[in-house]
């Protein structure tokens, strides 16, 4: 179940977000508007939602959370952008930091 939020997720929403993978939650965020989609099978599904809500492609980044280790992941195919990011991993340190801060904000309940 994909849940889109501008405020931190509550326990029930986190439980629903992990239905696809049980020990991992895929996330996609608009780092400028501070919006998070979580719980998708593929990151492009969250990207599509954010784009339909008016987010700019350059502000959308994907990754996830390993629920066993509590590690934040910065890896998604939607992060590949020939003009600014040549890898699945978010390479720009400022964008990674913002993604990490937002992940900690949205998932403070579990991180």
N, C-alpha and C. Protein backbone atom coordinates (compact mmCIF):
# COMPACT_ATOMS: atom_id res chain seq x y z
N UNK A 1 0.84 -1.18 0.00
CA UNK A 1 0.00 0.00 0.00
C UNK A 1 0.89 1.25 0.00
N UNK A 2 0.68 2.12 -0.96
CA UNK A 2 1.46 3.36 -1.05
C UNK A 2 0.76 4.44 -0.24
N UNK A 3 1.51 5.04 0.66
CA UNK A 3 0.98 6.11 1.51
C UNK A 3 1.85 7.34 1.30
N UNK A 4 1.20 8.46 0.98
CA UNK A 4 1.89 9.72 0.73
C UNK A 4 1.61 10.67 1.89
N UNK A 5 2.70 11.26 2.43
CA UNK A 5 2.56 12.10 3.62
C UNK A 5 3.43 13.35 3.54
N UNK A 6 2.99 14.37 4.24
CA UNK A 6 3.82 15.56 4.47
C UNK A 6 4.16 15.68 5.95
N UNK A 7 3.60 14.78 6.74
CA UNK A 7 3.86 14.71 8.19
C UNK A 7 4.42 13.32 8.49
N UNK A 8 5.04 13.14 9.67
CA UNK A 8 5.59 11.82 10.00
C UNK A 8 4.55 10.70 9.94
N UNK A 9 5.02 9.53 9.54
CA UNK A 9 4.17 8.34 9.49
C UNK A 9 3.93 7.84 10.91
N UNK A 10 2.72 7.34 11.15
CA UNK A 10 2.40 6.73 12.44
C UNK A 10 2.59 5.22 12.30
N UNK A 11 2.60 4.51 13.41
CA UNK A 11 2.90 3.08 13.43
C UNK A 11 2.04 2.28 12.45
N UNK A 12 0.75 2.53 12.42
CA UNK A 12 -0.15 1.80 11.53
C UNK A 12 0.23 2.01 10.05
N UNK A 13 0.60 3.23 9.69
CA UNK A 13 1.01 3.52 8.31
C UNK A 13 2.33 2.85 7.98
N UNK A 14 3.23 2.82 8.93
CA UNK A 14 4.52 2.14 8.73
C UNK A 14 4.28 0.65 8.51
N UNK A 15 3.41 0.06 9.31
CA UNK A 15 3.08 -1.36 9.14
C UNK A 15 2.51 -1.63 7.75
N UNK A 16 1.64 -0.77 7.26
CA UNK A 16 1.07 -0.93 5.93
C UNK A 16 2.13 -0.72 4.85
N UNK A 17 3.08 0.18 5.10
CA UNK A 17 4.13 0.49 4.12
C UNK A 17 5.11 -0.66 3.91
N UNK A 18 5.21 -1.54 4.89
CA UNK A 18 6.15 -2.65 4.76
C UNK A 18 5.50 -3.93 4.24
N UNK A 19 4.26 -3.84 3.80
CA UNK A 19 3.55 -5.03 3.31
C UNK A 19 4.23 -5.66 2.09
N UNK A 20 4.85 -4.85 1.23
CA UNK A 20 5.50 -5.39 0.02
C UNK A 20 6.73 -6.24 0.35
N UNK A 21 7.52 -5.81 1.33
CA UNK A 21 8.81 -6.47 1.57
C UNK A 21 9.05 -6.93 3.00
N UNK A 22 8.21 -6.59 3.93
CA UNK A 22 8.27 -7.00 5.33
C UNK A 22 9.43 -6.40 6.11
N UNK A 23 10.66 -6.45 5.57
CA UNK A 23 11.81 -5.91 6.31
C UNK A 23 12.43 -4.71 5.60
N UNK A 24 11.72 -4.16 4.63
CA UNK A 24 12.25 -3.03 3.86
C UNK A 24 11.08 -2.17 3.39
N UNK A 25 11.25 -0.86 3.49
CA UNK A 25 10.25 0.07 2.98
C UNK A 25 10.89 0.92 1.89
N UNK A 26 10.34 0.85 0.68
CA UNK A 26 10.81 1.71 -0.40
C UNK A 26 10.19 3.09 -0.20
N UNK A 27 11.01 4.12 -0.43
CA UNK A 27 10.54 5.49 -0.27
C UNK A 27 10.94 6.32 -1.48
N UNK A 28 10.12 7.30 -1.78
CA UNK A 28 10.41 8.31 -2.80
C UNK A 28 10.00 9.64 -2.20
N UNK A 29 10.92 10.62 -2.32
CA UNK A 29 10.63 11.91 -1.70
C UNK A 29 10.86 13.07 -2.64
N UNK A 30 10.01 14.08 -2.47
CA UNK A 30 10.25 15.38 -3.06
C UNK A 30 10.99 16.15 -1.97
N UNK A 31 12.29 16.34 -2.17
CA UNK A 31 13.09 16.93 -1.10
C UNK A 31 12.87 18.43 -0.95
N UNK A 32 12.28 19.05 -1.94
CA UNK A 32 11.98 20.48 -1.86
C UNK A 32 10.65 20.72 -1.15
N UNK A 33 9.62 19.99 -1.56
CA UNK A 33 8.28 20.15 -0.97
C UNK A 33 8.08 19.35 0.31
N UNK A 34 9.05 18.50 0.65
CA UNK A 34 8.99 17.67 1.85
C UNK A 34 7.76 16.75 1.84
N UNK A 35 7.67 15.94 0.77
CA UNK A 35 6.59 14.97 0.61
C UNK A 35 7.23 13.60 0.46
N UNK A 36 6.65 12.60 1.11
CA UNK A 36 7.18 11.24 1.03
C UNK A 36 6.09 10.26 0.60
N UNK A 37 6.45 9.41 -0.35
CA UNK A 37 5.63 8.24 -0.70
C UNK A 37 6.37 7.02 -0.17
N UNK A 38 5.65 6.13 0.45
CA UNK A 38 6.28 4.93 1.00
C UNK A 38 5.38 3.72 0.78
N UNK A 39 6.03 2.55 0.63
CA UNK A 39 5.29 1.30 0.56
C UNK A 39 5.07 0.75 -0.82
N UNK A 40 5.74 1.30 -1.81
CA UNK A 40 5.54 0.80 -3.17
C UNK A 40 6.42 -0.40 -3.46
N UNK A 41 6.03 -1.17 -4.48
CA UNK A 41 6.82 -2.30 -4.94
C UNK A 41 8.03 -1.80 -5.75
N UNK A 42 7.84 -0.75 -6.51
CA UNK A 42 8.90 -0.14 -7.32
C UNK A 42 8.87 1.36 -7.09
N UNK A 43 10.06 1.96 -6.99
CA UNK A 43 10.14 3.39 -6.70
C UNK A 43 9.44 4.27 -7.74
N UNK A 44 9.41 3.82 -8.99
CA UNK A 44 8.78 4.65 -10.02
C UNK A 44 7.29 4.88 -9.73
N UNK A 45 6.68 4.00 -8.95
CA UNK A 45 5.27 4.19 -8.59
C UNK A 45 5.09 5.43 -7.71
N UNK A 46 6.00 5.61 -6.76
CA UNK A 46 5.96 6.81 -5.92
C UNK A 46 6.33 8.05 -6.72
N UNK A 47 7.30 7.89 -7.61
CA UNK A 47 7.71 9.00 -8.48
C UNK A 47 6.51 9.48 -9.30
N UNK A 48 5.75 8.55 -9.85
CA UNK A 48 4.57 8.88 -10.66
C UNK A 48 3.55 9.67 -9.85
N UNK A 49 3.33 9.26 -8.60
CA UNK A 49 2.39 9.97 -7.72
C UNK A 49 2.85 11.40 -7.49
N UNK A 50 4.13 11.57 -7.15
CA UNK A 50 4.64 12.91 -6.87
C UNK A 50 4.60 13.80 -8.11
N UNK A 51 4.94 13.25 -9.27
CA UNK A 51 4.87 14.03 -10.50
C UNK A 51 3.43 14.45 -10.80
N UNK A 52 2.48 13.56 -10.54
CA UNK A 52 1.06 13.89 -10.79
C UNK A 52 0.56 14.96 -9.83
N UNK A 53 1.25 15.13 -8.70
CA UNK A 53 0.86 16.15 -7.72
C UNK A 53 1.64 17.45 -7.90
N UNK A 54 2.43 17.53 -8.98
CA UNK A 54 3.11 18.78 -9.30
C UNK A 54 4.56 18.88 -8.88
N UNK A 55 5.14 17.80 -8.40
CA UNK A 55 6.56 17.83 -8.04
C UNK A 55 7.42 17.92 -9.29
N UNK A 56 8.58 18.53 -9.16
CA UNK A 56 9.54 18.61 -10.26
C UNK A 56 10.45 17.39 -10.22
N UNK A 57 10.74 16.84 -11.39
CA UNK A 57 11.60 15.66 -11.48
C UNK A 57 12.92 15.86 -10.74
N UNK A 58 13.49 17.03 -10.83
CA UNK A 58 14.80 17.28 -10.21
C UNK A 58 14.75 17.24 -8.68
N UNK A 59 13.56 17.31 -8.11
CA UNK A 59 13.41 17.28 -6.64
C UNK A 59 13.04 15.91 -6.10
N UNK A 60 12.80 14.94 -6.99
CA UNK A 60 12.34 13.61 -6.59
C UNK A 60 13.51 12.63 -6.56
N UNK A 61 13.65 11.95 -5.42
CA UNK A 61 14.74 10.98 -5.23
C UNK A 61 14.19 9.74 -4.53
N UNK A 62 14.81 8.60 -4.79
CA UNK A 62 14.32 7.35 -4.24
C UNK A 62 15.34 6.60 -3.41
N UNK A 63 14.84 5.76 -2.55
CA UNK A 63 15.67 4.92 -1.69
C UNK A 63 14.79 4.05 -0.83
N UNK A 64 15.19 3.89 0.42
CA UNK A 64 14.39 3.07 1.31
C UNK A 64 15.02 2.92 2.68
N UNK A 65 14.39 2.07 3.48
CA UNK A 65 14.84 1.81 4.85
C UNK A 65 14.90 0.31 5.08
N UNK A 66 16.05 -0.17 5.52
CA UNK A 66 16.18 -1.56 5.94
C UNK A 66 15.70 -1.62 7.39
N UNK A 67 14.60 -2.30 7.61
CA UNK A 67 13.99 -2.30 8.94
C UNK A 67 14.74 -3.16 9.96
N UNK A 68 15.57 -4.07 9.49
CA UNK A 68 16.36 -4.88 10.42
C UNK A 68 17.56 -4.12 10.95
N UNK A 69 18.25 -3.37 10.08
CA UNK A 69 19.46 -2.66 10.48
C UNK A 69 19.20 -1.18 10.78
N UNK A 70 18.02 -0.70 10.39
CA UNK A 70 17.64 0.72 10.52
C UNK A 70 18.51 1.63 9.63
N UNK A 71 19.10 1.05 8.61
CA UNK A 71 19.93 1.83 7.68
C UNK A 71 19.09 2.43 6.58
N UNK A 72 19.43 3.66 6.22
CA UNK A 72 18.77 4.35 5.12
C UNK A 72 19.52 4.02 3.84
N UNK A 73 18.76 3.70 2.83
CA UNK A 73 19.29 3.32 1.53
C UNK A 73 19.02 4.46 0.54
N UNK A 74 19.99 4.78 -0.29
CA UNK A 74 19.88 5.88 -1.25
C UNK A 74 19.90 5.35 -2.68
N UNK A 75 19.42 4.14 -2.88
CA UNK A 75 19.57 3.45 -4.15
C UNK A 75 18.22 3.24 -4.83
N UNK A 76 18.10 3.75 -6.06
CA UNK A 76 16.89 3.55 -6.85
C UNK A 76 17.19 3.88 -8.31
N UNK A 77 16.55 3.14 -9.21
CA UNK A 77 16.71 3.44 -10.63
C UNK A 77 16.23 4.85 -10.97
N UNK A 78 15.28 5.40 -10.22
CA UNK A 78 14.78 6.74 -10.54
C UNK A 78 15.84 7.81 -10.27
N UNK A 79 16.91 7.45 -9.58
CA UNK A 79 17.98 8.41 -9.29
C UNK A 79 18.94 8.60 -10.46
N UNK A 80 18.86 7.74 -11.47
CA UNK A 80 19.77 7.86 -12.62
C UNK A 80 19.31 9.01 -13.49
N UNK A 81 20.20 10.01 -13.61
CA UNK A 81 19.92 11.20 -14.42
C UNK A 81 21.21 11.59 -15.12
N UNK A 82 21.29 11.36 -16.41
CA UNK A 82 22.55 11.60 -17.14
C UNK A 82 23.15 12.99 -16.93
N UNK A 83 22.32 13.98 -16.69
CA UNK A 83 22.85 15.33 -16.53
C UNK A 83 23.31 15.66 -15.11
N UNK A 84 22.90 14.83 -14.11
CA UNK A 84 23.27 15.20 -12.74
C UNK A 84 23.61 14.04 -11.81
N UNK A 85 23.20 12.83 -12.11
CA UNK A 85 23.45 11.70 -11.21
C UNK A 85 23.59 10.44 -12.07
N UNK A 86 24.80 9.93 -12.18
CA UNK A 86 25.08 8.83 -13.11
C UNK A 86 24.94 7.45 -12.49
N UNK A 87 24.38 7.37 -11.31
CA UNK A 87 24.30 6.11 -10.57
C UNK A 87 22.91 5.92 -9.98
N UNK A 88 22.63 4.69 -9.57
CA UNK A 88 21.41 4.42 -8.80
C UNK A 88 21.47 5.12 -7.45
N UNK A 89 22.68 5.27 -6.92
CA UNK A 89 22.91 5.91 -5.63
C UNK A 89 22.82 7.43 -5.78
N UNK A 90 22.25 8.10 -4.78
CA UNK A 90 22.27 9.56 -4.76
C UNK A 90 23.71 9.96 -4.49
N UNK A 91 24.33 10.66 -5.44
CA UNK A 91 25.75 10.98 -5.35
C UNK A 91 26.03 12.34 -4.70
N UNK A 92 25.18 13.30 -4.89
CA UNK A 92 25.41 14.65 -4.36
C UNK A 92 25.28 14.62 -2.83
N UNK A 93 26.33 14.99 -2.11
CA UNK A 93 26.28 14.93 -0.64
C UNK A 93 25.15 15.77 -0.03
N UNK A 94 24.84 16.91 -0.60
CA UNK A 94 23.77 17.76 -0.06
C UNK A 94 22.40 17.11 -0.24
N UNK A 95 22.19 16.48 -1.38
CA UNK A 95 20.91 15.79 -1.63
C UNK A 95 20.80 14.57 -0.72
N UNK A 96 21.90 13.81 -0.57
CA UNK A 96 21.90 12.65 0.34
C UNK A 96 21.55 13.07 1.77
N UNK A 97 22.15 14.17 2.20
CA UNK A 97 21.91 14.66 3.56
C UNK A 97 20.44 15.04 3.74
N UNK A 98 19.88 15.74 2.75
CA UNK A 98 18.48 16.13 2.82
C UNK A 98 17.57 14.89 2.83
N UNK A 99 17.90 13.90 1.98
CA UNK A 99 17.11 12.65 1.93
C UNK A 99 17.18 11.95 3.29
N UNK A 100 18.36 11.90 3.88
CA UNK A 100 18.52 11.28 5.20
C UNK A 100 17.70 12.01 6.26
N UNK A 101 17.81 13.34 6.28
CA UNK A 101 17.06 14.13 7.26
C UNK A 101 15.55 13.92 7.12
N UNK A 102 15.08 13.90 5.88
CA UNK A 102 13.64 13.69 5.66
C UNK A 102 13.22 12.28 6.04
N UNK A 103 14.05 11.29 5.75
CA UNK A 103 13.74 9.92 6.15
C UNK A 103 13.63 9.83 7.67
N UNK A 104 14.56 10.45 8.37
CA UNK A 104 14.50 10.43 9.83
C UNK A 104 13.28 11.16 10.35
N UNK A 105 12.89 12.24 9.67
CA UNK A 105 11.68 12.98 10.05
C UNK A 105 10.42 12.14 9.84
N UNK A 106 10.26 11.61 8.63
CA UNK A 106 9.06 10.85 8.30
C UNK A 106 8.94 9.54 9.07
N UNK A 107 10.08 8.94 9.41
CA UNK A 107 10.07 7.62 10.05
C UNK A 107 10.69 7.65 11.46
N UNK A 108 10.50 8.77 12.15
CA UNK A 108 11.02 8.92 13.51
C UNK A 108 10.47 7.83 14.43
N UNK A 109 9.30 7.33 14.12
CA UNK A 109 8.65 6.26 14.91
C UNK A 109 9.52 5.00 14.98
N UNK A 110 10.33 4.75 13.94
CA UNK A 110 11.11 3.51 13.90
C UNK A 110 12.61 3.72 13.81
N UNK A 111 13.06 4.92 13.52
CA UNK A 111 14.51 5.15 13.37
C UNK A 111 15.15 5.75 14.61
